[in-house]
Protein backbone atom coordinates (compact mmCIF):
# COMPACT_ATOMS: atom_id res chain seq x y z
CA UNK A 1 -18.08 -9.66 -4.56
CA UNK A 2 -15.34 -7.45 -3.18
CA UNK A 3 -14.89 -6.90 0.56
CA UNK A 4 -12.45 -4.14 1.51
CA UNK A 5 -10.70 -4.37 4.88
CA UNK A 6 -9.39 -1.05 6.15
CA UNK A 7 -8.30 0.76 9.28
CA UNK A 8 -7.37 4.26 10.30
CA UNK A 9 -3.82 3.33 11.26
CA UNK A 10 -1.30 0.55 10.98
CA UNK A 11 -1.11 -2.15 13.64
CA UNK A 12 -4.82 -2.60 14.29
CA UNK A 13 -4.93 -6.06 12.69
CA UNK A 14 -6.16 -5.11 9.23
CA UNK A 15 -3.91 -7.56 7.41
CA UNK A 16 -4.58 -10.18 10.09
CA UNK A 17 -8.32 -9.92 9.39
CA UNK A 18 -7.93 -9.79 5.60
CA UNK A 19 -5.58 -12.78 5.39
CA UNK A 20 -7.69 -14.95 7.69
CA UNK A 21 -10.94 -13.95 6.03
CA UNK A 22 -9.59 -14.87 2.59
CA UNK A 23 -8.28 -18.18 3.97
CA UNK A 24 -11.61 -19.04 5.60
CA UNK A 25 -13.41 -18.84 2.25
CA UNK A 26 -13.12 -22.06 0.23
CA UNK A 27 -11.87 -20.29 -2.89
CA UNK A 28 -11.07 -16.59 -2.89
CA UNK A 29 -8.77 -13.83 -4.14
CA UNK A 30 -6.64 -11.78 -1.77
CA UNK A 31 -5.48 -8.36 -2.98
CA UNK A 32 -2.72 -6.61 -1.04
CA UNK A 33 -3.18 -2.96 -1.97
CA UNK A 34 -0.95 -1.73 0.85
CA UNK A 35 1.75 -1.36 -1.79
CA UNK A 36 4.12 0.72 0.36
CA UNK A 37 4.37 -2.05 2.98
CA UNK A 38 2.76 -5.24 1.64
CA UNK A 39 3.03 -8.17 4.03
CA UNK A 40 0.13 -10.51 3.27
CA UNK A 41 2.42 -12.60 1.06
CA UNK A 42 4.61 -13.34 4.09
CA UNK A 43 1.73 -15.34 5.57
CA UNK A 44 0.42 -16.91 2.38
CA UNK A 45 3.86 -17.72 0.88
CA UNK A 46 2.21 -18.13 -2.54
CA UNK A 47 3.59 -20.51 -5.16
CA UNK A 48 3.86 -20.32 -8.97
CA UNK A 49 4.34 -16.56 -8.78
CA UNK A 50 4.04 -14.46 -11.91
CA UNK A 51 5.47 -10.93 -11.88
CA UNK A 52 4.48 -7.85 -13.84
CA UNK A 53 6.34 -4.55 -13.82
CA UNK A 54 4.13 -1.47 -13.50
CA UNK A 55 5.27 1.49 -15.55
CA UNK A 56 4.08 5.05 -15.91
CA UNK A 57 4.81 7.62 -18.59
CA UNK A 58 6.84 10.67 -17.68
CA UNK A 59 7.41 13.68 -19.98
CA UNK A 60 10.83 14.82 -21.10
CA UNK A 61 11.84 17.88 -23.11
CA UNK A 62 13.49 18.25 -26.49
CA UNK A 63 15.14 21.56 -25.63
CA UNK A 64 15.97 22.43 -29.24
CA UNK A 65 12.25 22.51 -30.10
CA UNK A 66 11.02 24.38 -27.01
CA UNK A 67 10.24 28.03 -27.71
CA UNK A 68 9.29 28.94 -24.14
CA UNK A 69 5.58 29.39 -24.78
CA UNK A 70 4.82 28.07 -21.28
CA UNK A 71 1.55 26.57 -22.52
CA UNK A 72 2.47 23.28 -20.88
CA UNK A 73 3.35 25.04 -17.61
CA UNK A 74 0.02 26.85 -17.55
CA UNK A 75 -1.84 23.64 -18.35
CA UNK A 76 -0.30 21.48 -15.61
CA UNK A 77 -2.42 21.64 -12.45
CA UNK A 78 0.11 19.61 -10.50
CA UNK A 79 3.01 22.08 -10.91
CA UNK A 80 5.15 19.36 -12.47
CA UNK A 81 6.55 21.77 -15.07
CA UNK A 82 8.40 25.06 -14.73
CA UNK A 83 10.16 27.35 -17.19
CA UNK A 84 13.29 28.69 -15.50
CA UNK A 85 16.25 30.51 -17.05
CA UNK A 86 15.00 29.74 -20.55
CA UNK A 87 14.76 26.05 -19.82
CA UNK A 88 11.71 23.84 -19.31
CA UNK A 89 12.06 21.70 -16.20
CA UNK A 90 10.10 18.52 -15.39
CA UNK A 91 9.53 17.49 -11.77
CA UNK A 92 8.83 13.77 -12.11
CA UNK A 93 7.69 13.40 -8.49
CA UNK A 94 4.75 15.74 -9.13
CA UNK A 95 3.74 14.37 -12.52
CA UNK A 96 0.42 12.47 -12.71
CA UNK A 97 1.13 11.08 -16.21
CA UNK A 98 -1.95 12.71 -17.75
CA UNK A 99 -0.20 13.48 -21.06
CA UNK A 100 -1.78 16.91 -21.31
CA UNK A 101 1.51 18.74 -21.71
CA UNK A 102 2.19 16.82 -24.92
CA UNK A 103 -1.15 17.87 -26.35
CA UNK A 104 -0.82 21.60 -25.68
CA UNK A 105 2.81 22.01 -26.76
CA UNK A 106 2.75 23.93 -30.08
CA UNK A 107 6.14 22.59 -31.23
CA UNK A 108 5.94 18.95 -30.10
CA UNK A 109 8.89 19.63 -27.82
CA UNK A 110 7.62 17.24 -25.13
CA UNK A 111 7.81 13.47 -25.45
CA UNK A 112 7.21 10.63 -22.99
CA UNK A 113 9.41 7.95 -21.50
CA UNK A 114 8.48 4.92 -19.42
CA UNK A 115 9.42 4.66 -15.77
CA UNK A 116 9.03 1.50 -13.67
CA UNK A 117 7.52 2.31 -10.27
CA UNK A 118 6.93 -1.17 -8.91
CA UNK A 119 5.79 -4.72 -9.51
CA UNK A 120 2.73 -6.93 -9.03
CA UNK A 121 3.12 -10.54 -7.93
CA UNK A 122 0.37 -13.09 -8.62
CA UNK A 123 0.45 -16.56 -7.04
CA UNK A 124 -1.55 -19.31 -5.33
CA UNK A 125 -1.71 -20.40 -1.68
CA UNK A 126 -3.99 -23.36 -0.86
CA UNK A 127 -6.87 -22.24 -3.02
CA UNK A 128 -6.38 -18.52 -2.40
CA UNK A 129 -5.13 -16.45 -5.30
CA UNK A 130 -2.71 -13.93 -3.81
CA UNK A 131 -2.04 -10.70 -5.72
CA UNK A 132 0.34 -8.25 -4.07
CA UNK A 133 1.63 -4.86 -5.19
CA UNK A 134 5.12 -3.58 -4.37
CA UNK A 135 5.94 0.10 -4.80
CA UNK A 136 9.60 0.87 -5.42
CA UNK A 137 11.27 2.83 -2.59
CA UNK A 138 11.18 6.58 -3.11
CA UNK A 139 8.18 6.62 -5.44
CA UNK A 140 5.48 9.11 -4.54
CA UNK A 141 2.26 7.34 -5.51
CA UNK A 142 1.25 3.70 -5.74
CA UNK A 143 -2.13 4.37 -7.34
CA UNK A 144 -1.08 2.94 -10.75
CA UNK A 145 -0.09 -0.29 -8.97
CA UNK A 146 -3.44 -0.47 -7.15
CA UNK A 147 -5.21 0.02 -10.49
CA UNK A 148 -3.06 -2.72 -11.99
CA UNK A 149 -4.01 -5.10 -9.19
CA UNK A 150 -7.71 -4.63 -9.87
CA UNK A 151 -7.18 -4.98 -13.62
CA UNK A 152 -5.97 -8.54 -12.98
CA UNK A 153 -9.30 -9.71 -11.54
CA UNK A 154 -11.78 -8.16 -13.95
CA UNK A 155 -12.65 -11.54 -15.45
CA UNK A 156 -12.88 -13.39 -12.10
CA UNK A 157 -16.06 -14.13 -10.17
CA UNK A 158 -14.50 -15.42 -6.95
CA UNK A 159 -14.96 -13.56 -3.63
CA UNK A 160 -12.30 -10.85 -3.33
CA UNK A 161 -10.75 -9.65 -0.07
CA UNK A 162 -8.99 -6.29 -0.43
CA UNK A 163 -6.27 -5.51 2.11
CA UNK A 164 -6.27 -1.71 1.92
CA UNK A 165 -3.49 0.67 2.97
CA UNK A 166 -3.98 2.18 6.44
CA UNK A 167 -5.44 5.66 6.80
CA UNK A 168 -7.71 7.51 4.40
CA UNK A 169 -5.44 8.92 1.66
CA UNK A 170 -5.69 8.54 -2.11
CA UNK A 171 -4.51 4.93 -2.29
CA UNK A 172 -7.17 3.92 0.23
CA UNK A 173 -9.82 5.62 -1.88
CA UNK A 174 -8.57 3.78 -4.96
CA UNK A 175 -8.70 0.50 -3.03
CA UNK A 176 -12.34 0.83 -1.95
CA UNK A 177 -13.82 2.33 -5.14
CA UNK A 178 -14.96 -1.04 -6.45
CA UNK A 179 -15.78 -2.58 -3.07
CA UNK A 180 -19.26 -3.95 -2.39
CA UNK A 181 -18.73 -3.90 1.37
CA UNK A 182 -16.21 -2.50 3.85
CA UNK A 183 -14.96 -3.98 7.10
CA UNK A 184 -13.44 -1.39 9.42
CA UNK A 185 -10.91 -2.86 11.87
CA UNK A 186 -10.53 -0.90 15.11
CA UNK A 187 -8.54 -1.14 18.32
CA UNK A 188 -10.36 -0.94 21.69
CA UNK A 189 -8.56 2.28 22.67
CA UNK A 190 -9.22 6.02 22.63
CA UNK A 191 -6.72 6.41 19.80
CA UNK A 192 -8.49 3.58 18.01
CA UNK A 193 -11.76 5.51 18.20
CA UNK A 194 -10.17 8.53 16.53
CA UNK A 195 -8.91 6.43 13.62
CA UNK A 196 -12.15 4.49 13.34
CA UNK A 197 -14.08 7.76 12.99
CA UNK A 198 -11.72 8.80 10.19
CA UNK A 199 -12.28 5.72 8.02
CA UNK A 200 -15.97 5.69 8.93
CA UNK A 201 -16.28 9.13 7.38
CA UNK A 202 -14.43 7.93 4.27
CA UNK A 203 -16.72 4.96 3.57
CA UNK A 204 -19.73 7.19 4.11
CA UNK A 205 -18.42 9.60 1.45
CA UNK A 206 -18.15 6.65 -0.93
CA UNK A 207 -21.59 5.40 0.17
CA UNK A 208 -20.30 1.94 1.00
CA UNK A 209 -22.12 -0.38 3.41
CA UNK A 210 -19.87 -1.26 6.30
CA UNK A 211 -19.53 -2.84 9.71
CA UNK A 212 -16.89 -2.88 12.44
CA UNK A 213 -14.51 -5.54 13.69
CA UNK A 214 -12.98 -4.68 17.06
CA UNK A 215 -9.67 -6.48 17.41
CA UNK A 216 -7.54 -7.26 20.49
CA UNK A 217 -10.46 -6.98 22.92
CA UNK A 218 -9.59 -7.53 26.60
CA UNK A 219 -11.35 -7.20 29.94
CA UNK A 220 -10.34 -3.53 30.16
CA UNK A 221 -12.48 -0.64 28.99
CA UNK A 222 -13.42 -0.66 25.33
CA UNK A 223 -13.84 2.92 24.02
CA UNK A 224 -14.26 1.63 20.46
CA UNK A 225 -17.30 -0.46 21.42
CA UNK A 226 -18.75 2.44 23.41
CA UNK A 227 -18.32 4.70 20.37
CA UNK A 228 -20.02 2.19 18.06
CA UNK A 229 -22.96 1.81 20.43
CA UNK A 230 -23.34 5.58 20.80
CA UNK A 231 -23.15 6.11 17.03
CA UNK A 232 -25.32 3.06 16.34
CA UNK A 233 -22.64 1.50 14.18
CA UNK A 234 -22.88 -2.24 13.44
CA UNK A 235 -20.25 -4.42 15.13
CA UNK A 236 -19.90 -7.61 13.10
CA UNK A 237 -17.30 -9.26 15.37
CA UNK A 238 -15.11 -8.78 18.42
CA UNK A 239 -11.83 -10.69 18.43
CA UNK A 240 -10.45 -11.33 21.91
CA UNK A 241 -6.79 -10.69 22.62
CA UNK A 242 -4.99 -14.00 23.00
CA UNK A 243 -1.26 -14.64 23.31
CA UNK A 244 -1.78 -17.67 21.08
CA UNK A 245 -2.97 -15.44 18.22
CA UNK A 246 0.11 -13.26 18.54
CA UNK A 247 2.43 -16.26 18.68
CA UNK A 248 0.93 -17.92 15.59
CA UNK A 249 0.96 -14.65 13.63
CA UNK A 250 4.53 -13.79 14.63
CA UNK A 251 5.58 -17.20 13.31
CA UNK A 252 4.23 -16.17 9.91
CA UNK A 253 1.33 -18.64 10.05
CA UNK A 254 -2.33 -18.09 9.21
CA UNK A 255 -4.58 -18.52 12.23
CA UNK A 256 -7.54 -20.18 10.51
CA UNK A 257 -5.23 -22.80 9.00
CA UNK A 258 -3.86 -23.65 12.42
CA UNK A 259 -6.97 -23.44 14.62
CA UNK A 260 -10.38 -24.71 13.42
CA UNK A 261 -12.23 -22.57 15.98
CA UNK A 262 -10.99 -19.41 14.31
CA UNK A 263 -11.84 -20.77 10.89
CA UNK A 264 -15.43 -20.93 12.10
CA UNK A 265 -15.19 -17.35 13.41
CA UNK A 266 -14.00 -15.90 10.11
CA UNK A 267 -16.40 -18.04 8.10
CA UNK A 268 -19.20 -16.58 10.22
CA UNK A 269 -17.93 -13.04 9.55
CA UNK A 270 -18.12 -13.78 5.82
CA UNK A 271 -21.65 -15.19 6.15
CA UNK A 272 -22.70 -12.08 8.10
CA UNK A 273 -21.36 -9.83 5.33
CA UNK A 274 -23.31 -11.80 2.73
CA UNK A 275 -26.42 -11.43 4.86
CA UNK A 276 -25.92 -7.69 5.15
CA UNK A 277 -25.52 -7.33 1.40
CA UNK A 278 -28.83 -9.11 0.78
CA UNK A 279 -30.77 -6.61 2.86
């Protein structure tokens, strides 16, 4: 079973929830798909790490064979190719590595080269398998890394917690495609409501069952809870703001491993998800 944890913006506590939820389960797999800014490994500090480079294929041109037919340019829907001043140009940042330009070139003037865009690290932390993706700085898309992360668990049957990127862009979509259930983490603020509505719409498009965790709840007004009640959205948990939580997290420690009461809280969240899935 795969549970995706997502939020409409950074800083809501998405990684906090994902890391603690994975730790509260006796044996689980934690996937950090926030490949632009992965930080789950900082809490888990996994051991026995294995690394795998993720490479994509990028076209390059044999100019002596190119006759300027422009068939490749017309084929590419991503505008990664252009024929300028009798030369075929490749814009690697726009290329989606589909290989179509090679197929349509009448003179076999286009070949492919490998380009490393990042790495996946796979290790263990007290019974939790921790798989994290790291996108190299300056790269446009981390989707191949997200796909590579999921390829590593195809033969596993353990519960999987997916720490998604924030927002609702392509990498988020790739992260929730295989999810059985989604947990949406929201802040109890007006801005938090806006971002909650955004990811709510996304999981509805993907027809994923979901519920809400409202994090950093205080005695002040809670627009996120009001929104959920008005929209009849299920709230699976409310986590109260505590200085102790912030202190433990800022020290790079995992809350459920330090405080048994919170282990019970996150274990109950997991049991509630299982109950929802059986309905």
